[in-house]
Amino acid sequence: MTFYFTDKAESAIMESSISEELKEHFKTGKYFNKIRGLTITFSKKGRY
């Protein structure tokens, strides 16, 4: 799932509890006009 954020969200993302890997992907990610994407991959483990 990909979420798109403007530069205003950068400080909140960097201070959040998400993984350093996701933070780095956001920080170095490709710009689309004035937004950047943050993609989170979910994997199914076990039964729900």
N, C-alpha and C. Protein backbone atom coordinates (compact mmCIF):
# COMPACT_ATOMS: atom_id res chain seq x y z
N MET A 1 0.85 -1.14 0.00
CA MET A 1 0.00 0.00 0.00
C MET A 1 0.92 1.23 0.00
N THR A 2 0.61 2.18 -0.84
CA THR A 2 1.42 3.38 -0.92
C THR A 2 0.62 4.59 -0.46
N PHE A 3 1.25 5.38 0.39
CA PHE A 3 0.67 6.63 0.87
C PHE A 3 1.53 7.76 0.33
N TYR A 4 0.91 8.86 -0.01
CA TYR A 4 1.64 9.99 -0.58
C TYR A 4 1.59 11.18 0.36
N PHE A 5 2.74 11.82 0.55
CA PHE A 5 2.88 12.92 1.49
C PHE A 5 3.62 14.10 0.85
N THR A 6 3.30 15.29 1.33
CA THR A 6 4.05 16.47 0.92
C THR A 6 5.26 16.61 1.85
N ASP A 7 6.12 17.58 1.54
CA ASP A 7 7.30 17.81 2.37
C ASP A 7 6.94 18.20 3.81
N LYS A 8 5.76 18.75 4.01
CA LYS A 8 5.33 19.15 5.36
C LYS A 8 5.28 17.95 6.31
N ALA A 9 5.08 16.75 5.78
CA ALA A 9 4.96 15.55 6.61
C ALA A 9 6.32 14.95 6.97
N GLU A 10 7.39 15.43 6.36
CA GLU A 10 8.70 14.80 6.55
C GLU A 10 9.12 14.74 8.02
N SER A 11 9.00 15.82 8.74
CA SER A 11 9.45 15.81 10.14
C SER A 11 8.63 14.83 10.97
N ALA A 12 7.33 14.75 10.73
CA ALA A 12 6.49 13.81 11.47
C ALA A 12 6.87 12.37 11.15
N ILE A 13 7.18 12.10 9.90
CA ILE A 13 7.58 10.74 9.50
C ILE A 13 8.92 10.39 10.13
N MET A 14 9.87 11.31 10.09
CA MET A 14 11.19 11.04 10.65
C MET A 14 11.16 10.87 12.16
N GLU A 15 10.21 11.48 12.84
CA GLU A 15 10.10 11.36 14.29
C GLU A 15 9.18 10.21 14.72
N SER A 16 8.56 9.55 13.76
CA SER A 16 7.61 8.49 14.08
C SER A 16 8.33 7.20 14.47
N SER A 17 7.54 6.22 14.87
CA SER A 17 8.10 4.94 15.31
C SER A 17 8.20 3.90 14.18
N ILE A 18 8.00 4.32 12.93
CA ILE A 18 8.15 3.37 11.83
C ILE A 18 9.63 3.01 11.67
N SER A 19 9.89 1.96 10.95
CA SER A 19 11.27 1.46 10.81
C SER A 19 12.18 2.48 10.12
N GLU A 20 13.45 2.38 10.43
CA GLU A 20 14.45 3.25 9.80
C GLU A 20 14.49 3.01 8.30
N GLU A 21 14.21 1.81 7.88
CA GLU A 21 14.20 1.47 6.45
C GLU A 21 13.10 2.27 5.73
N LEU A 22 11.90 2.33 6.32
CA LEU A 22 10.82 3.10 5.71
C LEU A 22 11.14 4.59 5.70
N LYS A 23 11.74 5.06 6.76
CA LYS A 23 12.13 6.48 6.81
C LYS A 23 13.13 6.80 5.71
N GLU A 24 14.08 5.92 5.51
CA GLU A 24 15.10 6.14 4.48
C GLU A 24 14.46 6.11 3.09
N HIS A 25 13.53 5.18 2.87
CA HIS A 25 12.83 5.12 1.58
C HIS A 25 12.08 6.42 1.30
N PHE A 26 11.45 6.96 2.33
CA PHE A 26 10.74 8.23 2.15
C PHE A 26 11.72 9.36 1.86
N LYS A 27 12.77 9.42 2.64
CA LYS A 27 13.76 10.50 2.53
C LYS A 27 14.43 10.53 1.17
N THR A 28 14.71 9.37 0.62
CA THR A 28 15.43 9.30 -0.66
C THR A 28 14.51 8.98 -1.84
N GLY A 29 13.20 8.93 -1.56
CA GLY A 29 12.24 8.54 -2.60
C GLY A 29 12.10 9.56 -3.71
N LYS A 30 11.56 9.08 -4.79
CA LYS A 30 11.34 9.89 -5.97
C LYS A 30 10.16 10.85 -5.76
N TYR A 31 10.33 12.08 -6.19
CA TYR A 31 9.27 13.09 -6.11
C TYR A 31 8.31 12.94 -7.29
N PHE A 32 7.04 13.14 -7.02
CA PHE A 32 6.01 13.22 -8.06
C PHE A 32 5.35 14.57 -7.84
N ASN A 33 5.74 15.53 -8.65
CA ASN A 33 5.36 16.94 -8.44
C ASN A 33 5.85 17.36 -7.06
N LYS A 34 4.96 17.58 -6.11
CA LYS A 34 5.39 18.03 -4.79
C LYS A 34 5.13 16.96 -3.71
N ILE A 35 4.97 15.71 -4.13
CA ILE A 35 4.70 14.66 -3.16
C ILE A 35 5.68 13.51 -3.32
N ARG A 36 5.82 12.74 -2.26
CA ARG A 36 6.64 11.52 -2.27
C ARG A 36 5.80 10.39 -1.71
N GLY A 37 6.10 9.20 -2.19
CA GLY A 37 5.36 8.04 -1.73
C GLY A 37 6.09 7.29 -0.63
N LEU A 38 5.32 6.63 0.20
CA LEU A 38 5.85 5.75 1.24
C LEU A 38 5.08 4.45 1.10
N THR A 39 5.76 3.40 0.65
CA THR A 39 5.11 2.12 0.39
C THR A 39 5.35 1.16 1.54
N ILE A 40 4.26 0.60 2.03
CA ILE A 40 4.32 -0.39 3.10
C ILE A 40 3.79 -1.70 2.54
N THR A 41 4.59 -2.75 2.68
CA THR A 41 4.21 -4.06 2.18
C THR A 41 3.72 -4.91 3.33
N PHE A 42 2.56 -5.50 3.16
CA PHE A 42 1.99 -6.37 4.18
C PHE A 42 2.15 -7.81 3.70
N SER A 43 2.48 -8.68 4.63
CA SER A 43 2.55 -10.10 4.28
C SER A 43 1.67 -10.87 5.24
N LYS A 44 1.05 -11.88 4.73
CA LYS A 44 0.13 -12.68 5.53
C LYS A 44 0.94 -13.74 6.29
N LYS A 45 0.76 -13.74 7.59
CA LYS A 45 1.41 -14.74 8.43
C LYS A 45 0.34 -15.49 9.19
N GLY A 46 0.26 -16.76 8.95
CA GLY A 46 -0.72 -17.57 9.66
C GLY A 46 -2.14 -17.30 9.23
N ARG A 47 -3.07 -17.77 10.02
CA ARG A 47 -4.49 -17.59 9.74
C ARG A 47 -5.06 -16.47 10.59
N TYR A 48 -6.05 -15.82 10.08
CA TYR A 48 -6.72 -14.75 10.81
C TYR A 48 -8.04 -15.19 11.33
